[in-house]
Amino acid sequence: MPFSRQFPTVALVPLGFLLCACGGGGGSTHHPPTPLTNIDLAVTGFTVSPSAADPEDTLTVSGTIQNVGTETANPEFGDEFRVRFNLSRDGTFELNEQGFLEERIKDPIPPGGSLDFSYTAPYGGGDTLTLYADFCTSSECVPPETGVIGVKVDSGEAIREVDEGNNFAFTTIEVAGTRVAAVYGGCDIGTLQIPGCELQISDGLRSIVESRPSLEPATQVMFPNDLQRSLYVTVRIINCQAAQSPSGQCGGSWAIVATTQKPGLEASTITVNCPCQANFGTGPNAACNCYINIRDPAY
């Protein structure tokens, strides 16, 4: 059954943990050309807990920043660099991606020294929902889906390091999205003349339109693994000829079924019926709007 998706124009940027140097001295912000340094930042021991989460759950991201170079990072007062955390599907990131958390590191890290970090934040901040509102791209996807939480140091490459390739670390996480389906209940159109029952669903980022002129029930998976908590639904009755006659009316309905699954918990399923009716006196067309919380906030 055909359906269309309209996505906003966004720069797809997978997520990583980005550290950028900002300030003066060895960890300073230098405008091009940036002097070559003997600083070499690396990330080790990167962990994320819990191992399964949805966008509103608080994650704890921990690890160690090591300076394996021969020059101190942040040698002077006011020097700093940033560390950024991202969600992705495959352990990648893009230059301008905001991630979901960014922190400033101001402590000096001498050659051979290290600095432990531990931060808490939900992964749904930044551009996570813009990039991964549909976390997977196939209608066969069932949450949770495996994703990747990443960290990158020196994200803006403000420090010209000895080795830029060891600024990254990644670990897997089970992304507990919500599988959303639309179940077509059929349209009673009366006297038929190119009639139909149309459904439009949007989560505020992209929309899907599904049209059905027949009376046969059907199910269409609309958002395979959605990270949103709510949907806007409009059901339209189109060209109801019966509504042109006294006491005439046409009706139609869709049911929106949303299922969220976290490991170790029973699936949470919410079903909302969206009926619509065109009556004599209001014309052959009708639009009925529904706002749906597709995921129990307590789940």
C-alpha atoms as a PDB file:
ATOM      1  CA  MET A   1       0.000   0.000   0.000  1.00  0.00           C
ATOM      2  CA  PRO A   2       1.622   3.258  -1.081  1.00  0.00           C
ATOM      3  CA  PHE A   3       2.421   5.993   1.339  1.00  0.00           C
ATOM      4  CA  SER A   4       4.593   9.063   1.190  1.00  0.00           C
ATOM      5  CA  ARG A   5       7.021  10.556   3.683  1.00  0.00           C
ATOM      6  CA  GLN A   6       8.003  14.205   3.710  1.00  0.00           C
ATOM      7  CA  PHE A   7      11.224  14.884   5.581  1.00  0.00           C
ATOM      8  CA  PRO A   8      12.583  18.307   6.491  1.00  0.00           C
ATOM      9  CA  THR A   9      15.824  19.251   4.847  1.00  0.00           C
ATOM     10  CA  VAL A  10      18.491  18.471   7.408  1.00  0.00           C
ATOM     11  CA  ALA A  11      22.153  17.691   7.227  1.00  0.00           C
ATOM     12  CA  LEU A  12      22.371  14.053   8.249  1.00  0.00           C
ATOM     13  CA  VAL A  13      25.087  13.929  10.790  1.00  0.00           C
ATOM     14  CA  PRO A  14      25.612  10.800  12.837  1.00  0.00           C
ATOM     15  CA  LEU A  15      26.582  11.451  16.380  1.00  0.00           C
ATOM     16  CA  GLY A  16      29.844  11.236  18.228  1.00  0.00           C
ATOM     17  CA  PHE A  17      31.528  12.589  21.306  1.00  0.00           C
ATOM     18  CA  LEU A  18      33.253  15.788  20.246  1.00  0.00           C
ATOM     19  CA  LEU A  19      36.004  17.590  22.118  1.00  0.00           C
ATOM     20  CA  CYS A  20      37.157  20.926  20.828  1.00  0.00           C
ATOM     21  CA  ALA A  21      39.923  23.106  22.182  1.00  0.00           C
ATOM     22  CA  CYS A  22      39.000  26.671  22.997  1.00  0.00           C
ATOM     23  CA  GLY A  23      41.212  29.172  24.801  1.00  0.00           C
ATOM     24  CA  GLY A  24      44.885  30.073  24.669  1.00  0.00           C
ATOM     25  CA  GLY A  25      48.144  28.153  24.832  1.00  0.00           C
ATOM     26  CA  GLY A  26      48.379  24.412  24.167  1.00  0.00           C
ATOM     27  CA  GLY A  27      44.623  23.910  24.543  1.00  0.00           C
ATOM     28  CA  SER A  28      43.646  27.212  23.026  1.00  0.00           C
ATOM     29  CA  THR A  29      41.433  28.335  20.191  1.00  0.00           C
ATOM     30  CA  HIS A  30      43.614  29.342  17.264  1.00  0.00           C
ATOM     31  CA  HIS A  31      42.227  30.649  14.025  1.00  0.00           C
ATOM     32  CA  PRO A  32      43.798  29.233  10.889  1.00  0.00           C
ATOM     33  CA  PRO A  33      46.538  28.422  10.547  1.00  0.00           C
ATOM     34  CA  THR A  34      46.553  26.485  13.832  1.00  0.00           C
ATOM     35  CA  PRO A  35      50.076  25.750  15.031  1.00  0.00           C
ATOM     36  CA  LEU A  36      51.115  22.119  15.151  1.00  0.00           C
ATOM     37  CA  THR A  37      51.348  20.791  18.732  1.00  0.00           C
ATOM     38  CA  ASN A  38      52.658  17.673  20.409  1.00  0.00           C
ATOM     39  CA  ILE A  39      49.342  17.178  22.244  1.00  0.00           C
ATOM     40  CA  ASP A  40      47.625  13.865  21.547  1.00  0.00           C
ATOM     41  CA  LEU A  41      44.220  13.306  23.185  1.00  0.00           C
ATOM     42  CA  ALA A  42      42.617   9.867  23.270  1.00  0.00           C
ATOM     43  CA  VAL A  43      39.497   8.385  24.869  1.00  0.00           C
ATOM     44  CA  THR A  44      39.618   5.080  26.752  1.00  0.00           C
ATOM     45  CA  GLY A  45      37.285   3.082  28.975  1.00  0.00           C
ATOM     46  CA  PHE A  46      34.140   4.625  27.494  1.00  0.00           C
ATOM     47  CA  THR A  47      30.912   3.215  28.973  1.00  0.00           C
ATOM     48  CA  VAL A  48      27.212   4.102  28.875  1.00  0.00           C
ATOM     49  CA  SER A  49      24.478   2.984  31.257  1.00  0.00           C
ATOM     50  CA  PRO A  50      21.772   1.852  31.182  1.00  0.00           C
ATOM     51  CA  SER A  51      22.269  -0.381  28.163  1.00  0.00           C
ATOM     52  CA  ALA A  52      18.719   0.234  26.896  1.00  0.00           C
ATOM     53  CA  ALA A  53      16.949   3.603  26.922  1.00  0.00           C
ATOM     54  CA  ASP A  54      14.492   5.877  25.200  1.00  0.00           C
ATOM     55  CA  PRO A  55      15.197   9.583  24.472  1.00  0.00           C
ATOM     56  CA  GLU A  56      13.958  10.787  27.875  1.00  0.00           C
ATOM     57  CA  ASP A  57      15.854   8.270  30.002  1.00  0.00           C
ATOM     58  CA  THR A  58      18.946   9.591  31.750  1.00  0.00           C
ATOM     59  CA  LEU A  59      22.210   8.067  30.546  1.00  0.00           C
ATOM     60  CA  THR A  60      25.484   8.088  32.435  1.00  0.00           C
ATOM     61  CA  VAL A  61      28.439   8.424  30.066  1.00  0.00           C
ATOM     62  CA  SER A  62      31.854   7.789  31.575  1.00  0.00           C
ATOM     63  CA  GLY A  63      35.418   7.319  30.458  1.00  0.00           C
ATOM     64  CA  THR A  64      38.933   8.679  30.544  1.00  0.00           C
ATOM     65  CA  ILE A  65      40.664  11.337  28.440  1.00  0.00           C
ATOM     66  CA  GLN A  66      44.338  10.585  28.070  1.00  0.00           C
ATOM     67  CA  ASN A  67      47.108  12.795  26.743  1.00  0.00           C
ATOM     68  CA  VAL A  68      49.520  10.404  25.068  1.00  0.00           C
ATOM     69  CA  GLY A  69      51.499  13.279  23.565  1.00  0.00           C
ATOM     70  CA  THR A  70      54.520  15.147  24.902  1.00  0.00           C
ATOM     71  CA  GLU A  71      52.908  18.561  25.464  1.00  0.00           C
ATOM     72  CA  THR A  72      50.368  19.656  28.097  1.00  0.00           C
ATOM     73  CA  ALA A  73      46.774  20.239  27.033  1.00  0.00           C
ATOM     74  CA  ASN A  74      45.222  23.335  28.683  1.00  0.00           C
ATOM     75  CA  PRO A  75      48.573  24.578  30.008  1.00  0.00           C
ATOM     76  CA  GLU A  76      47.382  28.081  30.927  1.00  0.00           C
ATOM     77  CA  PHE A  77      44.500  29.560  32.913  1.00  0.00           C
ATOM     78  CA  GLY A  78      41.506  30.022  30.609  1.00  0.00           C
ATOM     79  CA  ASP A  79      42.452  27.204  28.247  1.00  0.00           C
ATOM     80  CA  GLU A  80      39.738  24.639  27.571  1.00  0.00           C
ATOM     81  CA  PHE A  81      38.456  22.089  25.096  1.00  0.00           C
ATOM     82  CA  ARG A  82      35.043  20.497  24.673  1.00  0.00           C
ATOM     83  CA  VAL A  83      33.759  16.958  24.735  1.00  0.00           C
ATOM     84  CA  ARG A  84      30.592  15.974  22.900  1.00  0.00           C
ATOM     85  CA  PHE A  85      28.350  12.895  23.027  1.00  0.00           C
ATOM     86  CA  ASN A  86      26.121  11.669  20.207  1.00  0.00           C
ATOM     87  CA  LEU A  87      23.751   8.910  19.170  1.00  0.00           C
ATOM     88  CA  SER A  88      24.148   7.219  15.785  1.00  0.00           C
ATOM     89  CA  ARG A  89      23.153   4.070  13.976  1.00  0.00           C
ATOM     90  CA  ASP A  90      26.624   2.926  13.025  1.00  0.00           C
ATOM     91  CA  GLY A  91      29.257   4.711  15.109  1.00  0.00           C
ATOM     92  CA  THR A  92      29.830   7.720  12.885  1.00  0.00           C
ATOM     93  CA  PHE A  93      29.508  11.471  13.239  1.00  0.00           C
ATOM     94  CA  GLU A  94      29.488  14.610  11.115  1.00  0.00           C
ATOM     95  CA  LEU A  95      31.434  17.788  11.600  1.00  0.00           C
ATOM     96  CA  ASN A  96      28.569  20.157  12.450  1.00  0.00           C
ATOM     97  CA  GLU A  97      26.395  17.766  14.436  1.00  0.00           C
ATOM     98  CA  GLN A  98      25.346  19.063  17.841  1.00  0.00           C
ATOM     99  CA  GLY A  99      25.018  15.711  19.567  1.00  0.00           C
ATOM    100  CA  PHE A 100      23.031  15.538  22.794  1.00  0.00           C
ATOM    101  CA  LEU A 101      25.611  16.739  25.312  1.00  0.00           C
ATOM    102  CA  GLU A 102      28.691  18.945  25.234  1.00  0.00           C
ATOM    103  CA  GLU A 103      30.984  19.712  28.155  1.00  0.00           C
ATOM    104  CA  ARG A 104      34.025  21.943  28.576  1.00  0.00           C
ATOM    105  CA  ILE A 105      37.283  20.545  29.927  1.00  0.00           C
ATOM    106  CA  LYS A 106      39.475  23.176  31.611  1.00  0.00           C
ATOM    107  CA  ASP A 107      41.817  20.976  33.634  1.00  0.00           C
ATOM    108  CA  PRO A 108      45.407  20.774  32.415  1.00  0.00           C
ATOM    109  CA  ILE A 109      46.358  17.289  31.213  1.00  0.00           C
ATOM    110  CA  PRO A 110      50.139  16.835  31.186  1.00  0.00           C
ATOM    111  CA  PRO A 111      52.003  14.417  28.904  1.00  0.00           C
ATOM    112  CA  GLY A 112      51.143  10.885  29.992  1.00  0.00           C
ATOM    113  CA  GLY A 113      48.358  12.228  32.217  1.00  0.00           C
ATOM    114  CA  SER A 114      44.662  11.426  32.183  1.00  0.00           C
ATOM    115  CA  LEU A 115      41.338  12.886  33.290  1.00  0.00           C
ATOM    116  CA  ASP A 116      38.270  10.811  34.184  1.00  0.00           C
ATOM    117  CA  PHE A 117      34.821  12.097  33.221  1.00  0.00           C
ATOM    118  CA  SER A 118      31.252  11.137  34.094  1.00  0.00           C
ATOM    119  CA  TYR A 119      28.155  13.034  32.917  1.00  0.00           C
ATOM    120  CA  THR A 120      24.427  12.364  32.907  1.00  0.00           C
ATOM    121  CA  ALA A 121      21.942  13.366  30.199  1.00  0.00           C
ATOM    122  CA  PRO A 122      19.142  11.873  28.076  1.00  0.00           C
ATOM    123  CA  TYR A 123      20.155  11.170  24.496  1.00  0.00           C
ATOM    124  CA  GLY A 124      17.074  12.929  23.110  1.00  0.00           C
ATOM    125  CA  GLY A 125      18.642  16.408  23.217  1.00  0.00           C
ATOM    126  CA  GLY A 126      20.536  18.253  20.500  1.00  0.00           C
ATOM    127  CA  ASP A 127      19.736  17.047  17.012  1.00  0.00           C
ATOM    128  CA  THR A 128      19.073  13.421  17.975  1.00  0.00           C
ATOM    129  CA  LEU A 129      15.345  13.578  17.210  1.00  0.00           C
ATOM    130  CA  THR A 130      15.913  15.585  14.039  1.00  0.00           C
ATOM    131  CA  LEU A 131      18.333  12.997  12.702  1.00  0.00           C
ATOM    132  CA  TYR A 132      16.847   9.802  14.100  1.00  0.00           C
ATOM    133  CA  ALA A 133      13.145  10.416  14.714  1.00  0.00           C
ATOM    134  CA  ASP A 134      12.695   7.236  12.676  1.00  0.00           C
ATOM    135  CA  PHE A 135      15.602   5.353  14.159  1.00  0.00           C
ATOM    136  CA  CYS A 136      15.428   2.579  11.584  1.00  0.00           C
ATOM    137  CA  THR A 137      14.376   2.858   7.975  1.00  0.00           C
ATOM    138  CA  SER A 138      12.539  -0.411   7.310  1.00  0.00           C
ATOM    139  CA  SER A 139       8.926  -1.224   8.149  1.00  0.00           C
ATOM    140  CA  GLU A 140      10.172  -4.529   9.583  1.00  0.00           C
ATOM    141  CA  CYS A 141      11.977  -2.757  12.437  1.00  0.00           C
ATOM    142  CA  VAL A 142      10.722  -3.601  15.920  1.00  0.00           C
ATOM    143  CA  PRO A 143      12.062  -1.731  18.963  1.00  0.00           C
ATOM    144  CA  PRO A 144      14.418  -1.898  20.659  1.00  0.00           C
ATOM    145  CA  GLU A 145      16.959  -1.440  17.852  1.00  0.00           C
ATOM    146  CA  THR A 146      20.714  -1.451  18.388  1.00  0.00           C
ATOM    147  CA  GLY A 147      22.305   1.983  18.180  1.00  0.00           C
ATOM    148  CA  VAL A 148      25.664   3.494  19.063  1.00  0.00           C
ATOM    149  CA  ILE A 149      26.599   6.166  21.612  1.00  0.00           C
ATOM    150  CA  GLY A 150      29.827   7.928  20.702  1.00  0.00           C
ATOM    151  CA  VAL A 151      32.342  10.385  22.112  1.00  0.00           C
ATOM    152  CA  LYS A 152      34.860  12.533  20.286  1.00  0.00           C
ATOM    153  CA  VAL A 153      37.514  14.818  21.736  1.00  0.00           C
ATOM    154  CA  ASP A 154      38.721  17.981  20.009  1.00  0.00           C
ATOM    155  CA  SER A 155      35.606  18.132  17.879  1.00  0.00           C
ATOM    156  CA  GLY A 156      36.464  21.438  16.269  1.00  0.00           C
ATOM    157  CA  GLU A 157      40.025  20.261  15.624  1.00  0.00           C
ATOM    158  CA  ALA A 158      41.224  23.452  17.257  1.00  0.00           C
ATOM    159  CA  ILE A 159      44.231  21.536  18.574  1.00  0.00           C
ATOM    160  CA  ARG A 160      46.460  20.156  15.858  1.00  0.00           C
ATOM    161  CA  GLU A 161      47.277  16.879  17.492  1.00  0.00           C
ATOM    162  CA  VAL A 162      49.926  14.289  16.802  1.00  0.00           C
ATOM    163  CA  ASP A 163      47.172  11.767  15.990  1.00  0.00           C
ATOM    164  CA  GLU A 164      43.614  12.928  15.194  1.00  0.00           C
ATOM    165  CA  GLY A 165      42.370   9.371  14.735  1.00  0.00           C
ATOM    166  CA  ASN A 166      42.237   8.336  18.406  1.00  0.00           C
ATOM    167  CA  ASN A 167      39.776  11.016  19.559  1.00  0.00           C
ATOM    168  CA  PHE A 168      36.796   8.669  19.270  1.00  0.00           C
ATOM    169  CA  ALA A 169      35.166   5.938  21.313  1.00  0.00           C
ATOM    170  CA  PHE A 170      31.835   4.165  20.758  1.00  0.00           C
ATOM    171  CA  THR A 171      29.633   1.702  22.584  1.00  0.00           C
ATOM    172  CA  THR A 172      26.303   0.088  21.722  1.00  0.00           C
ATOM    173  CA  ILE A 173      22.930   0.894  23.252  1.00  0.00           C
ATOM    174  CA  GLU A 174      19.463  -0.538  22.724  1.00  0.00           C
ATOM    175  CA  VAL A 175      17.298   2.302  21.378  1.00  0.00           C
ATOM    176  CA  ALA A 176      13.788   1.865  22.787  1.00  0.00           C
ATOM    177  CA  GLY A 177      11.657   3.612  20.189  1.00  0.00           C
ATOM    178  CA  THR A 178       7.958   3.169  19.455  1.00  0.00           C
ATOM    179  CA  ARG A 179       6.564   1.213  16.504  1.00  0.00           C
ATOM    180  CA  VAL A 180       3.536   3.078  15.172  1.00  0.00           C
ATOM    181  CA  ALA A 181       0.953   1.525  12.856  1.00  0.00           C
ATOM    182  CA  ALA A 182      -2.277   2.817  11.335  1.00  0.00           C
ATOM    183  CA  VAL A 183      -5.127   0.303  11.090  1.00  0.00           C
ATOM    184  CA  TYR A 184      -7.709   1.224   8.475  1.00  0.00           C
ATOM    185  CA  GLY A 185     -11.270   0.624   9.609  1.00  0.00           C
ATOM    186  CA  GLY A 186     -12.895   1.493   6.297  1.00  0.00           C
ATOM    187  CA  CYS A 187     -15.115   4.328   5.062  1.00  0.00           C
ATOM    188  CA  ASP A 188     -18.910   4.243   4.638  1.00  0.00           C
ATOM    189  CA  ILE A 189     -19.191   6.749   1.824  1.00  0.00           C
ATOM    190  CA  GLY A 190     -22.811   6.322   0.784  1.00  0.00           C
ATOM    191  CA  THR A 191     -23.215   7.032  -2.948  1.00  0.00           C
ATOM    192  CA  LEU A 192     -19.669   6.604  -4.233  1.00  0.00           C
ATOM    193  CA  GLN A 193     -18.023   9.063  -6.602  1.00  0.00           C
ATOM    194  CA  ILE A 194     -14.217   9.068  -6.205  1.00  0.00           C
ATOM    195  CA  PRO A 195     -14.652   8.952  -2.446  1.00  0.00           C
ATOM    196  CA  GLY A 196     -12.106   8.000   0.132  1.00  0.00           C
ATOM    197  CA  CYS A 197     -10.875   8.070   3.675  1.00  0.00           C
ATOM    198  CA  GLU A 198      -7.520   9.773   4.024  1.00  0.00           C
ATOM    199  CA  LEU A 199      -5.099   9.697   6.953  1.00  0.00           C
ATOM    200  CA  GLN A 200      -2.313  12.180   7.652  1.00  0.00           C
ATOM    201  CA  ILE A 201       0.143  11.532  10.496  1.00  0.00           C
ATOM    202  CA  SER A 202       2.891  13.875  11.651  1.00  0.00           C
ATOM    203  CA  ASP A 203       5.205  13.904  14.659  1.00  0.00           C
ATOM    204  CA  GLY A 204       6.168  17.511  13.995  1.00  0.00           C
ATOM    205  CA  LEU A 205       9.259  16.579  12.006  1.00  0.00           C
ATOM    206  CA  ARG A 206       7.863  14.685   9.037  1.00  0.00           C
ATOM    207  CA  SER A 207       4.488  13.621   7.723  1.00  0.00           C
ATOM    208  CA  ILE A 208       2.980  10.537   6.127  1.00  0.00           C
ATOM    209  CA  VAL A 209      -0.190  10.507   4.034  1.00  0.00           C
ATOM    210  CA  GLU A 210      -2.202   7.341   3.411  1.00  0.00           C
ATOM    211  CA  SER A 211      -5.331   7.328   1.220  1.00  0.00           C
ATOM    212  CA  ARG A 212      -7.835   4.480   0.835  1.00  0.00           C
ATOM    213  CA  PRO A 213     -10.968   4.587  -1.263  1.00  0.00           C
ATOM    214  CA  SER A 214     -12.037   1.016  -0.454  1.00  0.00           C
ATOM    215  CA  LEU A 215     -13.948  -0.426   2.492  1.00  0.00           C
ATOM    216  CA  GLU A 216     -11.469  -3.228   3.126  1.00  0.00           C
ATOM    217  CA  PRO A 217      -9.634  -2.965   6.493  1.00  0.00           C
ATOM    218  CA  ALA A 218      -5.856  -2.886   6.292  1.00  0.00           C
ATOM    219  CA  THR A 219      -2.841  -2.171   8.473  1.00  0.00           C
ATOM    220  CA  GLN A 220       0.073   0.039   7.515  1.00  0.00           C
ATOM    221  CA  VAL A 221       3.191   0.507   9.637  1.00  0.00           C
ATOM    222  CA  MET A 222       3.776   4.243   9.474  1.00  0.00           C
ATOM    223  CA  PHE A 223       6.799   4.891  11.702  1.00  0.00           C
ATOM    224  CA  PRO A 224       8.875   1.738  12.233  1.00  0.00           C
ATOM    225  CA  ASN A 225      10.797   2.839  15.342  1.00  0.00           C
ATOM    226  CA  ASP A 226       9.838   6.345  16.352  1.00  0.00           C
ATOM    227  CA  LEU A 227      11.638   8.283  19.108  1.00  0.00           C
ATOM    228  CA  GLN A 228       8.798  10.772  19.574  1.00  0.00           C
ATOM    229  CA  ARG A 229       6.206  10.623  22.343  1.00  0.00           C
ATOM    230  CA  SER A 230       3.294  12.151  20.438  1.00  0.00           C
ATOM    231  CA  LEU A 231       1.656  12.250  17.018  1.00  0.00           C
ATOM    232  CA  TYR A 232      -0.776  14.547  15.264  1.00  0.00           C
ATOM    233  CA  VAL A 233      -3.394  12.725  13.237  1.00  0.00           C
ATOM    234  CA  THR A 234      -5.952  14.059  10.772  1.00  0.00           C
ATOM    235  CA  VAL A 235      -8.648  11.804   9.285  1.00  0.00           C
ATOM    236  CA  ARG A 236     -10.476  13.163   6.243  1.00  0.00           C
ATOM    237  CA  ILE A 237     -13.682  12.008   4.602  1.00  0.00           C
ATOM    238  CA  ILE A 238     -13.451  12.977   0.942  1.00  0.00           C
ATOM    239  CA  ASN A 239     -16.402  13.544  -1.425  1.00  0.00           C
ATOM    240  CA  CYS A 240     -19.236  12.023   0.606  1.00  0.00           C
ATOM    241  CA  GLN A 241     -22.177  12.172  -1.784  1.00  0.00           C
ATOM    242  CA  ALA A 242     -24.627  10.900   0.844  1.00  0.00           C
ATOM    243  CA  ALA A 243     -24.032  14.069   2.864  1.00  0.00           C
ATOM    244  CA  GLN A 244     -25.724  16.028   0.085  1.00  0.00           C
ATOM    245  CA  SER A 245     -29.090  14.509   0.983  1.00  0.00           C
ATOM    246  CA  PRO A 246     -31.232  15.221   4.080  1.00  0.00           C
ATOM    247  CA  SER A 247     -30.242  12.958   6.977  1.00  0.00           C
ATOM    248  CA  GLY A 248     -27.360  11.663   4.878  1.00  0.00           C
ATOM    249  CA  GLN A 249     -23.941  11.035   6.370  1.00  0.00           C
ATOM    250  CA  CYS A 250     -20.679   9.187   5.782  1.00  0.00           C
ATOM    251  CA  GLY A 251     -18.275   7.812   8.338  1.00  0.00           C
ATOM    252  CA  GLY A 252     -14.744   6.503   8.425  1.00  0.00           C
ATOM    253  CA  SER A 253     -12.128   5.588  10.955  1.00  0.00           C
ATOM    254  CA  TRP A 254      -8.502   4.709  11.537  1.00  0.00           C
ATOM    255  CA  ALA A 255      -6.938   3.264  14.664  1.00  0.00           C
ATOM    256  CA  ILE A 256      -3.401   4.287  15.603  1.00  0.00           C
ATOM    257  CA  VAL A 257      -1.506   1.535  17.398  1.00  0.00           C
ATOM    258  CA  ALA A 258       1.800   2.350  19.114  1.00  0.00           C
ATOM    259  CA  THR A 259       3.971  -0.285  20.782  1.00  0.00           C
ATOM    260  CA  THR A 260       7.071   0.439  22.863  1.00  0.00           C
ATOM    261  CA  GLN A 261       9.318  -2.356  24.078  1.00  0.00           C
ATOM    262  CA  LYS A 262      12.215  -2.189  26.513  1.00  0.00           C
ATOM    263  CA  PRO A 263      14.320  -5.224  27.378  1.00  0.00           C
ATOM    264  CA  GLY A 264      13.101  -6.831  30.579  1.00  0.00           C
ATOM    265  CA  LEU A 265       9.729  -5.081  30.502  1.00  0.00           C
ATOM    266  CA  GLU A 266       6.391  -6.034  29.020  1.00  0.00           C
ATOM    267  CA  ALA A 267       5.533  -4.189  25.840  1.00  0.00           C
ATOM    268  CA  SER A 268       3.508  -1.005  26.322  1.00  0.00           C
ATOM    269  CA  THR A 269       0.808  -0.702  23.647  1.00  0.00           C
ATOM    270  CA  ILE A 270      -1.532   2.250  23.221  1.00  0.00           C
ATOM    271  CA  THR A 271      -4.425   2.225  20.735  1.00  0.00           C
ATOM    272  CA  VAL A 272      -6.331   5.389  19.850  1.00  0.00           C
ATOM    273  CA  ASN A 273      -9.318   5.356  17.504  1.00  0.00           C
ATOM    274  CA  CYS A 274      -9.698   8.319  15.173  1.00  0.00           C
ATOM    275  CA  PRO A 275     -13.232   8.340  13.745  1.00  0.00           C
ATOM    276  CA  CYS A 276     -14.563  10.950  11.360  1.00  0.00           C
ATOM    277  CA  GLN A 277     -17.998  11.758   9.934  1.00  0.00           C
ATOM    278  CA  ALA A 278     -19.418  13.991   7.231  1.00  0.00           C
ATOM    279  CA  ASN A 279     -23.057  15.006   7.731  1.00  0.00           C
ATOM    280  CA  PHE A 280     -25.766  16.647   5.697  1.00  0.00           C
ATOM    281  CA  GLY A 281     -25.447  20.376   6.109  1.00  0.00           C
ATOM    282  CA  THR A 282     -21.658  20.370   6.553  1.00  0.00           C
ATOM    283  CA  GLY A 283     -20.760  19.338   3.019  1.00  0.00           C
ATOM    284  CA  PRO A 284     -19.271  16.237   1.403  1.00  0.00           C
ATOM    285  CA  ASN A 285     -15.876  16.569   3.100  1.00  0.00           C
ATOM    286  CA  ALA A 286     -14.836  16.413   6.762  1.00  0.00           C
ATOM    287  CA  ALA A 287     -11.545  16.706   8.627  1.00  0.00           C
ATOM    288  CA  CYS A 288     -11.151  15.281  12.124  1.00  0.00           C
ATOM    289  CA  ASN A 289      -8.027  15.911  14.203  1.00  0.00           C
ATOM    290  CA  CYS A 290      -6.499  13.732  16.918  1.00  0.00           C
ATOM    291  CA  TYR A 291      -3.479  14.360  19.137  1.00  0.00           C
ATOM    292  CA  ILE A 292      -1.994  11.134  20.443  1.00  0.00           C
ATOM    293  CA  ASN A 293       0.514  10.440  23.216  1.00  0.00           C
ATOM    294  CA  ILE A 294       1.994   7.328  21.698  1.00  0.00           C
ATOM    295  CA  ARG A 295       4.187   6.437  24.677  1.00  0.00           C
ATOM    296  CA  ASP A 296       3.252   6.309  28.321  1.00  0.00           C
ATOM    297  CA  PRO A 297       5.524   8.886  30.036  1.00  0.00           C
ATOM    298  CA  ALA A 298       5.918   6.499  32.973  1.00  0.00           C
ATOM    299  CA  TYR A 299       7.185   3.670  30.772  1.00  0.00           C
END
